[in-house]
Amino acid sequence: MKSSKNDMVNHPPHYKMGRFEVIDILEDLAHDDPLIWQVLKYCSRYKHKGKPLEDLKKARWYLDRKISQMEKT
C-alpha cells in the first residue's frame, strides 16, 4: 500500500496540534466524557479545517449541552 505525506484517513493534518495528534490528547483527557471530547476536538482543530467560526460554534454547542446536564444534577 502506498503511503502519502497527508494520510486523510489515519492522520489528517487538521487533527494534529503541534507535536501531538488530537486523538492522543482526547483519549488522555476526556476518555470518559463524550461531550467534553467533542469540545476539545473542535477547539483543537478550528484553525486548521477551513471553517474556524463553524468549529467554534460546534464546540460551544457541546459545551452548552454539558453545562445543561450539570445544572440538572
C-alpha atoms as a PDB file:
ATOM      1  CA  MET A   1       0.000   0.000   0.000  1.00  0.00           C
ATOM      2  CA  LYS A   2       1.340   3.405  -0.981  1.00  0.00           C
ATOM      3  CA  SER A   3       1.971   5.861   1.852  1.00  0.00           C
ATOM      4  CA  SER A   4       1.445   9.587   1.395  1.00  0.00           C
ATOM      5  CA  LYS A   5       2.506  12.551   3.485  1.00  0.00           C
ATOM      6  CA  ASN A   6      -1.107  13.636   4.132  1.00  0.00           C
ATOM      7  CA  ASP A   7      -2.944  10.491   5.167  1.00  0.00           C
ATOM      8  CA  MET A   8      -6.508  11.827   5.384  1.00  0.00           C
ATOM      9  CA  VAL A   9      -7.832   8.603   6.936  1.00  0.00           C
ATOM     10  CA  ASN A  10      -5.304   7.705   9.628  1.00  0.00           C
ATOM     11  CA  HIS A  11      -3.512  11.002  10.302  1.00  0.00           C
ATOM     12  CA  PRO A  12      -5.347  14.002   8.794  1.00  0.00           C
ATOM     13  CA  PRO A  13      -3.333  17.210   9.217  1.00  0.00           C
ATOM     14  CA  HIS A  14      -6.226  19.080  10.868  1.00  0.00           C
ATOM     15  CA  TYR A  15      -6.147  16.547  13.733  1.00  0.00           C
ATOM     16  CA  LYS A  16      -2.625  17.465  14.772  1.00  0.00           C
ATOM     17  CA  MET A  17      -1.845  20.058  17.450  1.00  0.00           C
ATOM     18  CA  GLY A  18       1.823  20.900  17.370  1.00  0.00           C
ATOM     19  CA  ARG A  19       3.652  17.686  18.144  1.00  0.00           C
ATOM     20  CA  PHE A  20       0.536  15.743  19.167  1.00  0.00           C
ATOM     21  CA  GLU A  21      -2.413  14.218  17.402  1.00  0.00           C
ATOM     22  CA  VAL A  22      -5.722  15.303  18.864  1.00  0.00           C
ATOM     23  CA  ILE A  23      -6.850  11.706  19.353  1.00  0.00           C
ATOM     24  CA  ASP A  24      -3.983  11.112  21.795  1.00  0.00           C
ATOM     25  CA  ILE A  25      -4.908  14.188  23.828  1.00  0.00           C
ATOM     26  CA  LEU A  26      -8.612  13.321  23.823  1.00  0.00           C
ATOM     27  CA  GLU A  27      -8.007   9.769  24.943  1.00  0.00           C
ATOM     28  CA  ASP A  28      -5.882  11.051  27.804  1.00  0.00           C
ATOM     29  CA  LEU A  29      -8.044  13.988  28.963  1.00  0.00           C
ATOM     30  CA  ALA A  30     -11.633  13.159  28.050  1.00  0.00           C
ATOM     31  CA  HIS A  31     -11.800   9.400  27.559  1.00  0.00           C
ATOM     32  CA  ASP A  32     -14.873   9.099  29.787  1.00  0.00           C
ATOM     33  CA  ASP A  33     -16.845  12.189  28.717  1.00  0.00           C
ATOM     34  CA  PRO A  34     -18.097  12.299  25.113  1.00  0.00           C
ATOM     35  CA  LEU A  35     -19.339  15.900  25.321  1.00  0.00           C
ATOM     36  CA  ILE A  36     -16.023  17.249  26.592  1.00  0.00           C
ATOM     37  CA  TRP A  37     -14.323  15.066  23.982  1.00  0.00           C
ATOM     38  CA  GLN A  38     -16.226  16.966  21.274  1.00  0.00           C
ATOM     39  CA  VAL A  39     -15.493  20.376  22.824  1.00  0.00           C
ATOM     40  CA  LEU A  40     -11.773  19.655  22.867  1.00  0.00           C
ATOM     41  CA  LYS A  41     -11.829  18.187  19.370  1.00  0.00           C
ATOM     42  CA  TYR A  42     -13.476  21.222  17.797  1.00  0.00           C
ATOM     43  CA  CYS A  43     -11.373  23.702  19.771  1.00  0.00           C
ATOM     44  CA  SER A  44      -8.153  21.985  18.809  1.00  0.00           C
ATOM     45  CA  ARG A  45      -8.794  21.972  15.071  1.00  0.00           C
ATOM     46  CA  TYR A  46     -10.764  25.181  14.491  1.00  0.00           C
ATOM     47  CA  LYS A  47      -7.807  26.956  12.846  1.00  0.00           C
ATOM     48  CA  HIS A  48      -6.893  24.068  10.580  1.00  0.00           C
ATOM     49  CA  LYS A  49     -10.033  22.777   8.889  1.00  0.00           C
ATOM     50  CA  GLY A  50     -11.137  25.817   6.908  1.00  0.00           C
ATOM     51  CA  LYS A  51     -14.239  26.911   8.843  1.00  0.00           C
ATOM     52  CA  PRO A  52     -12.967  28.258  12.162  1.00  0.00           C
ATOM     53  CA  LEU A  53     -16.145  30.012  13.264  1.00  0.00           C
ATOM     54  CA  GLU A  54     -18.250  26.939  12.491  1.00  0.00           C
ATOM     55  CA  ASP A  55     -15.972  24.684  14.526  1.00  0.00           C
ATOM     56  CA  LEU A  56     -16.020  27.089  17.484  1.00  0.00           C
ATOM     57  CA  LYS A  57     -19.825  27.204  17.344  1.00  0.00           C
ATOM     58  CA  LYS A  58     -19.902  23.407  17.355  1.00  0.00           C
ATOM     59  CA  ALA A  59     -17.623  23.394  20.407  1.00  0.00           C
ATOM     60  CA  ARG A  60     -19.947  25.874  22.120  1.00  0.00           C
ATOM     61  CA  TRP A  61     -22.974  23.680  21.320  1.00  0.00           C
ATOM     62  CA  TYR A  62     -21.374  20.677  23.032  1.00  0.00           C
ATOM     63  CA  LEU A  63     -20.192  22.782  25.960  1.00  0.00           C
ATOM     64  CA  ASP A  64     -23.675  24.263  26.450  1.00  0.00           C
ATOM     65  CA  ARG A  65     -25.126  20.757  26.434  1.00  0.00           C
ATOM     66  CA  LYS A  66     -22.614  19.636  29.080  1.00  0.00           C
ATOM     67  CA  ILE A  67     -23.392  22.679  31.229  1.00  0.00           C
ATOM     68  CA  SER A  68     -27.133  21.978  30.947  1.00  0.00           C
ATOM     69  CA  GLN A  69     -26.596  18.400  32.057  1.00  0.00           C
ATOM     70  CA  MET A  70     -24.547  19.503  35.046  1.00  0.00           C
ATOM     71  CA  GLU A  71     -27.103  22.124  36.064  1.00  0.00           C
ATOM     72  CA  LYS A  72     -29.807  19.428  36.202  1.00  0.00           C
ATOM     73  CA  THR A  73     -27.867  17.315  38.701  1.00  0.00           C
END
